């Protein structure tokens, strides 16, 4: 009996030490709710929580994304990440937000692997590839003894340190990082210079860099340490000729950095979507067996579920630290389910 009490007390003490964040969730229609997230929860778990609250379709494209207005950056969190860790990197006066929205490029590499591993071929050949060949590409590159990173190289624009000028360099993607060919040198491995390694950086999409940094195009991405929240000489800015090239590089970097975790995340998301689809088909009323429900009402119910976009932001430090200090039993309150907002268009990045 005494041993059980000691065990229970230790468990409560351990629970009390778990870091928790209260997140304010703003919807398109201006309404809000809060979520309690602790340091043990992965992005996948938070997504599942949001699926339950919003009753959306649970397709694999749903993402939690971080935005940084000061640096004009956006990044989709990976499903295996612990959400609290990157949020704790935000500064006290941060205007950063977390968005819940669909991102088509999130798992595009597993839907159309030929676009990333056979990118040098012409577009018609890529478009006509059969499903069995797609599956073979995935097996070859993600299911072996080691992950194979796309053999990617090309000319990118590099922003010069402290300036709004950009210079072209020939870059190559490797499993350990991005390398470039110095001026006047060949593309041989011995001449390559390491530009950045992926161990301690994340990849972000740049937003409106033409205005902010006079970038040559709108298709920019950034590599930086997650702790860097303001302008810094340690941020690497790169610009591509078009959206296709940008997507190639960002996805290639994610593959090199996260490896098989990306594929595992996709399979988990795929299973969730399949279970949700079966449940929806069984539970959604139809006009044939429920004459009281008009067909157009059923349609609008489904449409509203897909049109949700959440804008989340952490409370100021003084607020959430006070809330964290409450007992675990007080922190487990359930917020009311949100009402669907208007349709929000998500562009291709």
Protein backbone atom coordinates (compact mmCIF):
# COMPACT_ATOMS: atom_id res chain seq x y z
CA UNK A 1 0.00 0.00 0.00
CA UNK A 2 2.78 2.39 0.97
CA UNK A 3 4.75 1.44 -2.13
CA UNK A 4 1.73 2.20 -4.32
CA UNK A 5 1.38 5.65 -2.75
CA UNK A 6 5.05 6.38 -3.32
CA UNK A 7 4.76 5.24 -6.93
CA UNK A 8 1.70 7.45 -7.45
CA UNK A 9 3.46 10.43 -5.87
CA UNK A 10 6.49 9.96 -8.14
CA UNK A 11 4.26 9.75 -11.20
CA UNK A 12 2.50 12.99 -10.22
CA UNK A 13 5.87 14.67 -9.65
CA UNK A 14 7.08 13.51 -13.05
CA UNK A 15 3.89 14.78 -14.69
CA UNK A 16 4.24 18.16 -12.98
CA UNK A 17 7.71 18.60 -14.50
CA UNK A 18 6.45 18.11 -18.05
CA UNK A 19 6.58 21.35 -20.02
CA UNK A 20 3.20 22.48 -21.28
CA UNK A 21 2.12 25.30 -23.56
CA UNK A 22 -1.29 26.89 -23.88
CA UNK A 23 -1.91 27.74 -27.53
CA UNK A 24 -4.56 30.22 -28.62
CA UNK A 25 -6.23 29.07 -31.84
CA UNK A 26 -7.78 31.71 -34.10
CA UNK A 27 -10.11 30.69 -36.91
CA UNK A 28 -10.89 32.51 -40.14
CA UNK A 29 -14.19 33.82 -38.79
CA UNK A 30 -12.43 35.50 -35.85
CA UNK A 31 -13.45 32.95 -33.21
CA UNK A 32 -10.84 31.27 -31.03
CA UNK A 33 -10.17 28.33 -28.77
CA UNK A 34 -7.18 27.02 -26.83
CA UNK A 35 -5.17 23.82 -26.93
CA UNK A 36 -2.95 22.45 -24.19
CA UNK A 37 0.14 20.83 -25.70
CA UNK A 38 2.88 19.17 -23.68
CA UNK A 39 6.46 18.40 -24.63
CA UNK A 40 5.76 14.69 -25.20
CA UNK A 41 3.21 15.25 -27.94
CA UNK A 42 4.24 14.93 -31.56
CA UNK A 43 2.82 17.03 -34.37
CA UNK A 44 0.98 13.89 -35.52
CA UNK A 45 -0.81 13.65 -32.17
CA UNK A 46 -1.78 17.32 -32.28
CA UNK A 47 -3.08 16.87 -35.84
CA UNK A 48 -5.18 13.91 -34.70
CA UNK A 49 -6.55 16.07 -31.89
CA UNK A 50 -7.51 18.76 -34.39
CA UNK A 51 -9.11 16.18 -36.67
CA UNK A 52 -11.39 15.13 -33.83
CA UNK A 53 -12.32 18.71 -33.00
CA UNK A 54 -12.91 19.86 -36.58
CA UNK A 55 -14.22 16.64 -38.18
CA UNK A 56 -12.20 17.38 -41.33
CA UNK A 57 -11.37 14.63 -43.80
CA UNK A 58 -7.96 13.68 -42.30
CA UNK A 59 -6.21 13.55 -45.69
CA UNK A 60 -2.41 13.31 -45.69
CA UNK A 61 -1.91 16.94 -46.78
CA UNK A 62 -3.07 18.47 -43.48
CA UNK A 63 -0.13 20.17 -41.77
CA UNK A 64 0.86 22.33 -38.86
CA UNK A 65 2.94 25.22 -40.18
CA UNK A 66 5.08 27.79 -38.43
CA UNK A 67 5.19 31.35 -39.74
CA UNK A 68 7.65 34.07 -38.77
CA UNK A 69 6.35 37.50 -39.92
CA UNK A 70 9.58 39.31 -39.02
CA UNK A 71 11.72 37.06 -41.21
CA UNK A 72 8.84 36.36 -43.63
CA UNK A 73 9.30 32.61 -43.41
CA UNK A 74 7.01 29.59 -43.28
CA UNK A 75 7.75 25.94 -42.54
CA UNK A 76 5.58 22.85 -42.17
CA UNK A 77 6.43 20.94 -39.01
CA UNK A 78 7.24 17.28 -39.64
CA UNK A 79 4.74 14.86 -38.11
CA UNK A 80 7.36 13.16 -35.91
CA UNK A 81 8.55 16.42 -34.33
CA UNK A 82 7.61 17.31 -30.77
CA UNK A 83 5.63 20.50 -31.23
CA UNK A 84 6.59 22.21 -27.97
CA UNK A 85 10.33 22.26 -28.73
CA UNK A 86 10.26 24.66 -31.72
CA UNK A 87 7.58 26.80 -30.08
CA UNK A 88 9.80 27.35 -27.04
CA UNK A 89 12.38 28.87 -29.39
CA UNK A 90 10.05 31.79 -30.10
CA UNK A 91 10.94 35.08 -28.43
CA UNK A 92 8.73 36.59 -25.73
CA UNK A 93 7.44 39.34 -28.03
CA UNK A 94 7.10 36.99 -31.02
CA UNK A 95 4.33 37.48 -33.55
CA UNK A 96 4.88 33.97 -34.92
CA UNK A 97 1.84 31.85 -35.65
CA UNK A 98 1.00 28.21 -36.17
CA UNK A 99 -1.31 27.43 -39.08
CA UNK A 100 -3.39 24.31 -39.56
CA UNK A 101 -3.89 23.88 -43.29
CA UNK A 102 -3.44 21.59 -46.26
CA UNK A 103 -0.02 21.56 -47.94
CA UNK A 104 0.01 19.55 -51.17
CA UNK A 105 3.80 19.37 -51.28
CA UNK A 106 4.05 17.76 -47.82
CA UNK A 107 4.10 14.16 -49.09
CA UNK A 108 4.25 14.80 -52.84
CA UNK A 109 7.45 12.75 -53.05
CA UNK A 110 5.49 9.60 -52.13
CA UNK A 111 2.62 10.37 -54.51
CA UNK A 112 4.86 11.19 -57.48
CA UNK A 113 8.42 10.04 -56.65
CA UNK A 114 9.40 10.28 -60.32
CA UNK A 115 9.27 14.08 -60.10
CA UNK A 116 12.10 14.01 -57.55
CA UNK A 117 14.20 10.97 -58.48
CA UNK A 118 13.82 11.21 -62.27
CA UNK A 119 13.60 14.99 -62.46
CA UNK A 120 16.00 15.25 -65.41
CA UNK A 121 13.57 13.41 -67.72
CA UNK A 122 11.05 15.30 -69.86
CA UNK A 123 7.67 16.15 -68.34
CA UNK A 124 5.68 13.81 -70.60
CA UNK A 125 7.73 10.79 -69.55
CA UNK A 126 7.24 11.70 -65.89
CA UNK A 127 3.51 12.17 -66.34
CA UNK A 128 3.02 8.81 -68.08
CA UNK A 129 4.82 6.70 -65.46
CA UNK A 130 2.78 3.77 -64.12
CA UNK A 131 1.78 3.23 -60.50
CA UNK A 132 3.87 0.07 -60.19
CA UNK A 133 6.95 2.04 -61.31
CA UNK A 134 6.19 4.71 -58.71
CA UNK A 135 6.01 2.04 -56.02
CA UNK A 136 9.31 0.58 -57.23
CA UNK A 137 10.98 4.00 -56.94
CA UNK A 138 9.76 4.34 -53.36
CA UNK A 139 10.99 0.84 -52.49
CA UNK A 140 14.41 1.49 -54.03
CA UNK A 141 14.97 4.85 -52.35
CA UNK A 142 13.25 4.52 -48.97
CA UNK A 143 13.08 0.83 -48.07
CA UNK A 144 16.69 -0.28 -48.44
CA UNK A 145 19.49 -0.38 -45.88
CA UNK A 146 19.90 3.39 -46.28
CA UNK A 147 17.88 6.25 -47.70
CA UNK A 148 18.86 7.49 -51.15
CA UNK A 149 18.81 11.27 -51.53
CA UNK A 150 17.77 12.69 -54.94
CA UNK A 151 20.75 13.41 -57.18
CA UNK A 152 20.05 17.10 -57.34
CA UNK A 153 22.21 19.88 -58.72
CA UNK A 154 21.62 23.23 -60.34
CA UNK A 155 22.34 26.93 -60.41
CA UNK A 156 20.73 28.87 -57.55
CA UNK A 157 20.89 32.51 -56.52
CA UNK A 158 22.65 33.10 -53.20
CA UNK A 159 21.99 36.24 -51.17
CA UNK A 160 25.23 37.94 -50.19
CA UNK A 161 25.77 38.54 -46.47
CA UNK A 162 24.29 41.82 -45.27
CA UNK A 163 23.34 42.92 -48.79
CA UNK A 164 20.29 42.90 -51.04
CA UNK A 165 22.31 41.50 -53.92
CA UNK A 166 22.30 37.92 -55.20
CA UNK A 167 24.95 35.91 -57.01
CA UNK A 168 24.65 32.65 -58.93
CA UNK A 169 26.41 29.49 -57.83
CA UNK A 170 26.25 25.85 -58.88
CA UNK A 171 24.96 23.80 -55.93
CA UNK A 172 24.77 20.06 -55.33
CA UNK A 173 22.66 18.17 -52.79
CA UNK A 174 24.30 15.47 -50.69
CA UNK A 175 23.06 13.42 -47.73
CA UNK A 176 25.12 15.53 -45.31
CA UNK A 177 24.35 18.97 -46.71
CA UNK A 178 24.48 21.34 -49.67
CA UNK A 179 27.77 21.92 -51.49
CA UNK A 180 28.79 24.42 -54.16
CA UNK A 181 31.37 24.58 -56.90
CA UNK A 182 33.83 27.49 -56.42
CA UNK A 183 34.36 29.82 -59.33
CA UNK A 184 36.83 28.39 -61.82
CA UNK A 185 36.67 24.87 -60.35
CA UNK A 186 35.22 21.64 -61.73
CA UNK A 187 32.22 19.69 -60.42
CA UNK A 188 34.43 16.91 -59.08
CA UNK A 189 33.97 15.95 -55.43
CA UNK A 190 37.42 17.18 -54.42
CA UNK A 191 36.59 20.72 -55.55
CA UNK A 192 33.21 20.96 -53.79
CA UNK A 193 32.89 23.32 -50.82
CA UNK A 194 30.37 22.70 -48.04
CA UNK A 195 27.73 25.43 -48.00
CA UNK A 196 25.64 24.15 -45.09
CA UNK A 197 25.13 20.91 -43.18
CA UNK A 198 21.64 19.81 -42.18
CA UNK A 199 22.28 18.70 -38.59
CA UNK A 200 21.28 21.96 -36.91
CA UNK A 201 19.18 23.81 -39.49
CA UNK A 202 15.61 23.68 -40.77
CA UNK A 203 14.40 24.60 -44.24
CA UNK A 204 11.79 27.36 -44.66
CA UNK A 205 9.90 28.91 -47.56
CA UNK A 206 10.54 32.62 -48.06
CA UNK A 207 7.56 34.94 -48.48
CA UNK A 208 7.66 38.06 -50.66
CA UNK A 209 11.46 38.16 -50.77
CA UNK A 210 11.33 40.24 -53.95
CA UNK A 211 10.14 43.20 -51.90
CA UNK A 212 12.14 42.48 -48.74
CA UNK A 213 15.49 41.44 -50.24
CA UNK A 214 15.15 42.25 -53.97
CA UNK A 215 15.29 38.52 -54.81
CA UNK A 216 15.44 37.66 -58.55
CA UNK A 217 12.23 35.55 -58.32
CA UNK A 218 9.45 34.74 -55.85
CA UNK A 219 10.71 31.17 -55.33
CA UNK A 220 13.00 31.37 -52.33
CA UNK A 221 13.91 29.13 -49.43
CA UNK A 222 15.99 29.62 -46.31
CA UNK A 223 18.18 27.46 -44.09
CA UNK A 224 18.60 28.51 -40.47
CA UNK A 225 18.91 27.23 -36.91
CA UNK A 226 15.46 27.10 -35.22
CA UNK A 227 16.71 29.30 -32.35
CA UNK A 228 17.39 32.19 -34.74
CA UNK A 229 14.25 34.32 -34.71
CA UNK A 230 15.57 37.66 -35.98
CA UNK A 231 17.87 38.87 -38.77
CA UNK A 232 21.24 37.13 -38.58
CA UNK A 233 24.37 36.57 -40.65
CA UNK A 234 23.93 32.85 -40.03
CA UNK A 235 20.76 32.62 -42.12
CA UNK A 236 21.29 31.20 -45.62
CA UNK A 237 19.03 32.64 -48.36
CA UNK A 238 18.62 30.85 -51.70
CA UNK A 239 16.46 31.65 -54.72
CA UNK A 240 15.28 29.36 -57.55
CA UNK A 241 14.13 30.07 -61.10
CA UNK A 242 10.68 28.53 -60.64
CA UNK A 243 8.33 26.74 -58.23
CA UNK A 244 9.33 23.29 -59.52
CA UNK A 245 13.01 23.86 -58.73
CA UNK A 246 12.15 25.25 -55.29
CA UNK A 247 10.00 22.23 -54.48
CA UNK A 248 12.76 19.90 -55.67
CA UNK A 249 15.32 21.48 -53.37
CA UNK A 250 13.12 21.83 -50.30
CA UNK A 251 11.87 18.24 -50.57
CA UNK A 252 15.37 16.95 -51.27
CA UNK A 253 16.66 18.71 -48.15
CA UNK A 254 13.84 17.20 -46.08
CA UNK A 255 14.70 13.71 -47.37
CA UNK A 256 18.39 14.21 -46.56
CA UNK A 257 17.64 15.58 -43.09
CA UNK A 258 14.84 13.29 -41.91
CA UNK A 259 15.42 10.12 -43.92
CA UNK A 260 13.07 7.20 -43.31
CA UNK A 261 11.08 9.20 -40.74
CA UNK A 262 9.42 11.01 -43.65
CA UNK A 263 8.22 7.74 -45.15
CA UNK A 264 7.05 6.45 -41.77
CA UNK A 265 5.13 9.70 -41.25
CA UNK A 266 3.46 9.32 -44.62
CA UNK A 267 2.40 5.72 -43.97
CA UNK A 268 0.92 6.72 -40.60
CA UNK A 269 -0.96 9.64 -42.17
CA UNK A 270 -2.17 7.36 -44.96
CA UNK A 271 -3.58 4.84 -42.45
CA UNK A 272 -5.32 7.63 -40.54
CA UNK A 273 -6.90 8.94 -43.75
CA UNK A 274 -8.07 5.44 -44.75
CA UNK A 275 -9.68 4.77 -41.37
CA UNK A 276 -11.34 8.17 -41.43
CA UNK A 277 -12.71 7.55 -44.94
CA UNK A 278 -14.25 4.23 -43.89
CA UNK A 279 -15.80 5.80 -40.80
CA UNK A 280 -17.16 8.73 -42.83
CA UNK A 281 -18.75 6.41 -45.39
CA UNK A 282 -20.45 4.44 -42.62
CA UNK A 283 -21.63 7.38 -40.53
CA UNK A 284 -22.59 10.03 -43.11
CA UNK A 285 -26.36 10.01 -43.73
CA UNK A 286 -27.56 9.79 -47.33
CA UNK A 287 -30.75 11.01 -48.94
CA UNK A 288 -31.75 7.44 -49.81
CA UNK A 289 -31.92 6.15 -46.23
CA UNK A 290 -32.65 9.42 -44.44
CA UNK A 291 -35.32 11.41 -46.31
CA UNK A 292 -35.26 14.12 -43.63
CA UNK A 293 -31.74 15.20 -44.63
CA UNK A 294 -31.64 17.05 -47.98
CA UNK A 295 -28.79 15.95 -50.30
CA UNK A 296 -27.45 19.50 -50.53
CA UNK A 297 -27.19 19.69 -46.73
CA UNK A 298 -25.04 16.56 -46.62
CA UNK A 299 -22.80 18.08 -49.29
CA UNK A 300 -22.35 21.33 -47.40
CA UNK A 301 -21.51 19.46 -44.21
CA UNK A 302 -18.65 17.77 -46.01
CA UNK A 303 -17.51 20.98 -47.70
CA UNK A 304 -17.33 22.90 -44.42
CA UNK A 305 -15.07 20.23 -42.93
CA UNK A 306 -12.53 20.71 -45.73
CA UNK A 307 -12.54 24.50 -45.60
CA UNK A 308 -11.01 24.95 -42.17
CA UNK A 309 -7.79 26.88 -41.73
CA UNK A 310 -6.55 27.63 -38.24
CA UNK A 311 -4.28 30.47 -37.20
CA UNK A 312 -2.61 29.63 -33.91
CA UNK A 313 -0.35 31.71 -31.71
CA UNK A 314 1.17 31.11 -28.32
CA UNK A 315 0.09 33.30 -25.44
CA UNK A 316 2.73 35.73 -24.23
CA UNK A 317 5.24 34.12 -21.89
CA UNK A 318 3.79 35.77 -18.82
CA UNK A 319 0.45 34.16 -19.60
CA UNK A 320 1.36 30.63 -20.46
CA UNK A 321 3.94 30.35 -17.69
CA UNK A 322 1.23 31.18 -15.17
CA UNK A 323 -1.03 28.56 -16.73
CA UNK A 324 1.70 25.95 -16.76
CA UNK A 325 2.10 26.42 -13.04
CA UNK A 326 -1.39 25.04 -12.47
CA UNK A 327 -1.85 21.43 -11.44
CA UNK A 328 -2.12 18.81 -14.19
CA UNK A 329 -5.77 18.27 -13.38
CA UNK A 330 -6.50 21.95 -14.11
CA UNK A 331 -4.58 21.80 -17.36
CA UNK A 332 -6.69 19.06 -18.88
CA UNK A 333 -9.81 21.08 -19.62
CA UNK A 334 -11.46 20.57 -23.01
CA UNK A 335 -12.21 23.52 -25.24
CA UNK A 336 -15.44 23.64 -27.18
CA UNK A 337 -15.37 22.45 -30.79
CA UNK A 338 -14.71 25.23 -33.36
CA UNK A 339 -17.21 26.32 -35.97
CA UNK A 340 -16.10 26.03 -39.60
CA UNK A 341 -14.80 29.19 -41.21
CA UNK A 342 -14.93 30.33 -44.84
CA UNK A 343 -12.94 28.55 -47.52
CA UNK A 344 -9.27 29.54 -47.48
CA UNK A 345 -7.26 29.06 -50.64
CA UNK A 346 -3.87 27.45 -50.17
CA UNK A 347 -1.38 28.09 -52.93
CA UNK A 348 1.29 25.76 -54.23
CA UNK A 349 4.67 26.54 -52.79
